[in-house]
Every structure is written in C-alpha cells, then in structure tokens.
Amino acid sequence: PVDQYIGGSEHATMHLLYARFVTKALRDSGYLNFDEPFTKLYHQGTITKDGAKMSKSRGNTVSPDEFIEKYGSDTFRAYLMFMGPFDEGGDWNDQGITGVDRFLKKVWRFCQLPNTEETPNKKDLLVLHQTIYSVSKDLSGMKFNTAISRLMEFINHFINHKSTSIDIKLSLIKMIAPFTPHIAEE
C-alpha cells in the first residue's frame, strides 16, 4: 500500500472510493495481500481569499503565474506552507508573500557570508541545535508553517553576524531544502 495519501477532502472522496474499489478487487483476485490502498490519510486545508473559498465561478482565484514570475516558485511554495496549518489552510493575502520573500533574501545573504574557521560560540550552537530539533519534529508532523517560523527565528539570530562556519550554513540549507529546493540547490 501507499504510505500516505494527501489530498483535499472534496477531491479525495472519489479518489479514495476508486482506489479502495480497485485495491479490494485486486486483493480478491489474489494479486494483492493487503486490504487498503493507503496506510495513512491526511487532508490538506483549503486556501480561501477574503474569507471565501476560492472558486472560478466567484472569480476570486489567484493565478500563481504572476507571483512565480515576480518572486520565484520557491517563494510562492514557501508562502503557501507558511500561511497556515497544512490541515487547515489559510486566507490568501497578496501582501503576505512579501514577508516570505524578505526572509528568503536574508537566507541568501546569510549563505554568502564569509566562512570562519572559528568554533561557533555556545549561543550559536544552541540556536542551531534547537532549530534542527524543532524543524525535524515539525516536518514529521506536517507543521510546515511552524517549521518556517522557526527558520525565520534562526536567521534573525544570525542576521548581524559578519561571518559564520560552513557547517552552520550547510545545516540551514538542509533544513530549508524541503520548502525551497531550488534556492537550497543554489
């Protein structure tokens, strides 16, 4: 079976019905040795605009193309994950993406700092390890918004540093990669 099915409750109903039917038919025919197609089900939340569910008929949808053109796909992706709990969704705000854009520019500047050979001080190491712990825990719990918030706190701690160790930079890059894979790759 598939480890985890993620989808919105509206579309998932028919997908689940068909997947369960096919799985049970294949099981009854002797081709599968399991009963259910998915071991875990997770419903994502709905993104609204001005408090109303987005729909073409209401004319309140947001085209990602203009935001991707202006900010890039990683910024758009990170904003979607930051705007609210994954299972609850959130209300789209055209201005909200600018905060995520500023954060990612800080990350870029931080990664451009000169490398230092000095051992990081205790406070820097504490912030690093607390962030690694929190982000790891939040990722496994699909709490993307709080993981990104923790990364924002991390970068704010290091914002006034003139240099830092390559290990701290690489740790940040590994933590941010699930949210912004293109930026992390660069």
Protein backbone atom coordinates (compact mmCIF):
# COMPACT_ATOMS: atom_id res chain seq x y z
CA PRO A 1 0.00 0.00 0.00
CA VAL A 2 0.93 3.66 -0.42
CA ASP A 3 2.47 5.06 2.79
CA GLN A 4 0.44 8.25 2.86
CA TYR A 5 -2.29 9.82 0.76
CA ILE A 6 -2.52 13.61 0.96
CA GLY A 7 -5.37 15.50 -0.63
CA GLY A 8 -8.24 17.85 -0.12
CA SER A 9 -11.38 16.33 1.33
CA GLU A 10 -13.52 17.25 -1.68
CA HIS A 11 -11.35 15.61 -4.34
CA ALA A 12 -10.17 12.80 -2.10
CA THR A 13 -13.62 11.25 -1.68
CA MET A 14 -13.85 9.95 -5.23
CA HIS A 15 -10.13 9.14 -5.43
CA LEU A 16 -10.39 7.10 -2.25
CA LEU A 17 -13.54 5.34 -3.42
CA TYR A 18 -11.92 4.28 -6.71
CA ALA A 19 -8.60 3.36 -5.09
CA ARG A 20 -10.34 1.24 -2.45
CA PHE A 21 -12.53 -0.48 -5.05
CA VAL A 22 -9.58 -1.35 -7.29
CA THR A 23 -7.44 -2.46 -4.33
CA LYS A 24 -10.18 -4.74 -2.96
CA ALA A 25 -10.85 -6.19 -6.43
CA LEU A 26 -7.14 -6.92 -6.91
CA ARG A 27 -6.96 -8.40 -3.40
CA ASP A 28 -9.99 -10.63 -4.05
CA SER A 29 -8.37 -11.77 -7.31
CA GLY A 30 -5.22 -12.75 -5.43
CA TYR A 31 -2.93 -10.04 -6.83
CA LEU A 32 -2.53 -8.08 -3.57
CA ASN A 33 -2.02 -9.19 0.00
CA PHE A 34 -3.39 -6.05 1.69
CA ASP A 35 -6.88 -4.62 2.18
CA GLU A 36 -6.50 -0.85 1.98
CA PRO A 37 -4.64 1.19 -0.67
CA PHE A 38 -3.21 3.72 1.83
CA THR A 39 -1.80 3.20 5.31
CA LYS A 40 -2.37 6.82 6.29
CA LEU A 41 -4.71 9.57 5.09
CA TYR A 42 -4.07 13.28 5.60
CA HIS A 43 -6.45 16.01 4.45
CA GLN A 44 -4.94 19.33 3.46
CA GLY A 45 -6.77 22.52 4.31
CA THR A 46 -8.49 24.89 1.93
CA ILE A 47 -6.97 28.17 0.84
CA THR A 48 -9.50 30.99 0.91
CA LYS A 49 -9.41 34.56 -0.32
CA ASP A 50 -11.06 37.34 1.67
CA GLY A 51 -12.64 34.68 3.85
CA ALA A 52 -14.38 32.85 0.97
CA LYS A 53 -13.42 29.58 -0.64
CA MET A 54 -11.65 30.22 -3.92
CA SER A 55 -13.63 29.27 -7.00
CA LYS A 56 -13.63 30.17 -10.68
CA SER A 57 -17.34 30.91 -10.60
CA ARG A 58 -16.82 33.52 -7.86
CA GLY A 59 -13.87 34.98 -9.71
CA ASN A 60 -11.70 35.01 -6.59
CA THR A 61 -8.94 32.61 -7.64
CA VAL A 62 -5.27 33.53 -7.57
CA SER A 63 -3.10 32.65 -10.53
CA PRO A 64 0.30 31.53 -9.28
CA ASP A 65 1.99 32.57 -12.54
CA GLU A 66 2.26 36.28 -11.71
CA PHE A 67 3.64 35.58 -8.24
CA ILE A 68 6.09 32.98 -9.53
CA GLU A 69 7.21 35.44 -12.20
CA LYS A 70 7.78 38.16 -9.60
CA TYR A 71 9.10 36.15 -6.62
CA GLY A 72 10.03 32.69 -7.94
CA SER A 73 8.47 29.30 -7.34
CA ASP A 74 10.30 28.67 -4.06
CA THR A 75 8.95 31.88 -2.52
CA PHE A 76 5.44 31.03 -3.70
CA ARG A 77 5.74 27.46 -2.35
CA ALA A 78 7.12 28.63 1.00
CA TYR A 79 4.34 31.21 1.35
CA LEU A 80 1.68 28.54 0.77
CA MET A 81 3.26 26.43 3.52
CA PHE A 82 3.68 29.40 5.86
CA MET A 83 0.19 30.91 5.56
CA GLY A 84 -1.43 28.47 7.98
CA PRO A 85 -1.52 24.92 9.31
CA PHE A 86 -1.37 22.44 6.43
CA ASP A 87 -4.54 20.66 7.53
CA GLU A 88 -6.46 23.93 7.97
CA GLY A 89 -5.29 26.05 5.03
CA GLY A 90 -5.38 29.81 5.25
CA ASP A 91 -6.57 33.04 3.73
CA TRP A 92 -4.56 34.24 0.72
CA ASN A 93 -3.17 37.75 1.01
CA ASP A 94 -1.27 39.25 -1.93
CA GLN A 95 0.94 41.20 0.51
CA GLY A 96 1.75 38.17 2.68
CA ILE A 97 4.18 36.73 0.18
CA THR A 98 6.48 39.76 0.59
CA GLY A 99 7.40 38.68 4.14
CA VAL A 100 8.48 35.26 2.90
CA ASP A 101 10.41 36.94 0.09
CA ARG A 102 12.30 39.12 2.61
CA PHE A 103 13.07 36.04 4.73
CA LEU A 104 14.48 34.11 1.77
CA LYS A 105 16.63 37.09 0.78
CA LYS A 106 18.05 37.08 4.34
CA VAL A 107 18.79 33.37 3.96
CA TRP A 108 20.61 34.07 0.69
CA ARG A 109 22.67 36.87 2.27
CA PHE A 110 23.50 34.66 5.27
CA CYS A 111 24.79 31.91 2.99
CA GLN A 112 27.02 34.48 1.23
CA LEU A 113 28.78 35.47 4.48
CA PRO A 114 32.49 34.70 4.65
CA ASN A 115 33.33 31.35 6.20
CA THR A 116 35.13 31.34 9.51
CA GLU A 117 37.38 28.65 10.93
CA GLU A 118 36.48 29.65 14.47
CA THR A 119 34.39 27.29 16.55
CA PRO A 120 30.84 28.68 16.85
CA ASN A 121 30.01 30.12 20.26
CA LYS A 122 27.67 28.29 22.63
CA LYS A 123 24.68 30.52 21.88
CA ASP A 124 25.01 29.97 18.11
CA LEU A 125 25.27 26.21 18.61
CA LEU A 126 22.28 26.22 20.93
CA VAL A 127 20.17 28.11 18.39
CA LEU A 128 21.34 25.76 15.62
CA HIS A 129 20.53 22.56 17.51
CA GLN A 130 17.20 23.82 18.83
CA THR A 131 16.25 24.77 15.28
CA ILE A 132 17.30 21.38 13.88
CA TYR A 133 15.22 19.66 16.57
CA SER A 134 12.14 21.86 16.03
CA VAL A 135 12.21 21.77 12.23
CA SER A 136 12.72 17.98 12.21
CA LYS A 137 9.80 17.50 14.59
CA ASP A 138 7.57 19.91 12.66
CA LEU A 139 8.37 18.30 9.31
CA SER A 140 7.44 14.84 10.55
CA GLY A 141 4.20 16.30 11.94
CA MET A 142 3.48 18.20 8.70
CA LYS A 143 3.56 21.51 10.58
CA PHE A 144 5.24 23.40 7.79
CA ASN A 145 4.18 26.86 8.95
CA THR A 146 5.81 26.47 12.37
CA ALA A 147 8.95 24.95 10.82
CA ILE A 148 9.32 28.00 8.56
CA SER A 149 8.65 30.28 11.53
CA ARG A 150 11.45 28.56 13.44
CA LEU A 151 13.77 29.06 10.45
CA MET A 152 12.86 32.75 10.46
CA GLU A 153 13.88 32.95 14.13
CA PHE A 154 17.12 31.16 13.27
CA ILE A 155 18.02 33.61 10.51
CA ASN A 156 17.11 36.58 12.72
CA HIS A 157 19.58 35.32 15.33
CA PHE A 158 22.39 35.25 12.75
CA ILE A 159 21.42 38.43 10.84
CA ASN A 160 24.16 40.62 12.36
CA HIS A 161 26.98 38.08 12.05
CA LYS A 162 29.85 39.16 9.81
CA SER A 163 30.96 35.56 9.18
CA THR A 164 29.94 32.06 10.21
CA SER A 165 31.04 28.46 9.88
CA ILE A 166 30.31 26.49 6.76
CA ASP A 167 28.68 23.80 8.94
CA ILE A 168 26.03 26.23 10.20
CA LYS A 169 25.32 27.36 6.63
CA LEU A 170 25.04 23.77 5.40
CA SER A 171 22.71 22.89 8.28
CA LEU A 172 20.44 25.79 7.34
CA ILE A 173 20.47 24.74 3.69
CA LYS A 174 19.48 21.17 4.62
CA MET A 175 16.65 22.44 6.81
CA ILE A 176 15.29 24.82 4.20
CA ALA A 177 15.57 22.38 1.27
CA PRO A 178 12.13 20.75 1.73
CA PHE A 179 10.48 24.18 1.49
CA THR A 180 12.69 25.89 -1.10
CA PRO A 181 14.53 23.20 -3.08
CA HIS A 182 15.75 25.49 -5.88
CA ILE A 183 17.26 28.06 -3.53
CA ALA A 184 18.81 25.28 -1.43
CA GLU A 185 20.34 23.73 -4.52
CA GLU A 186 21.93 27.04 -5.49
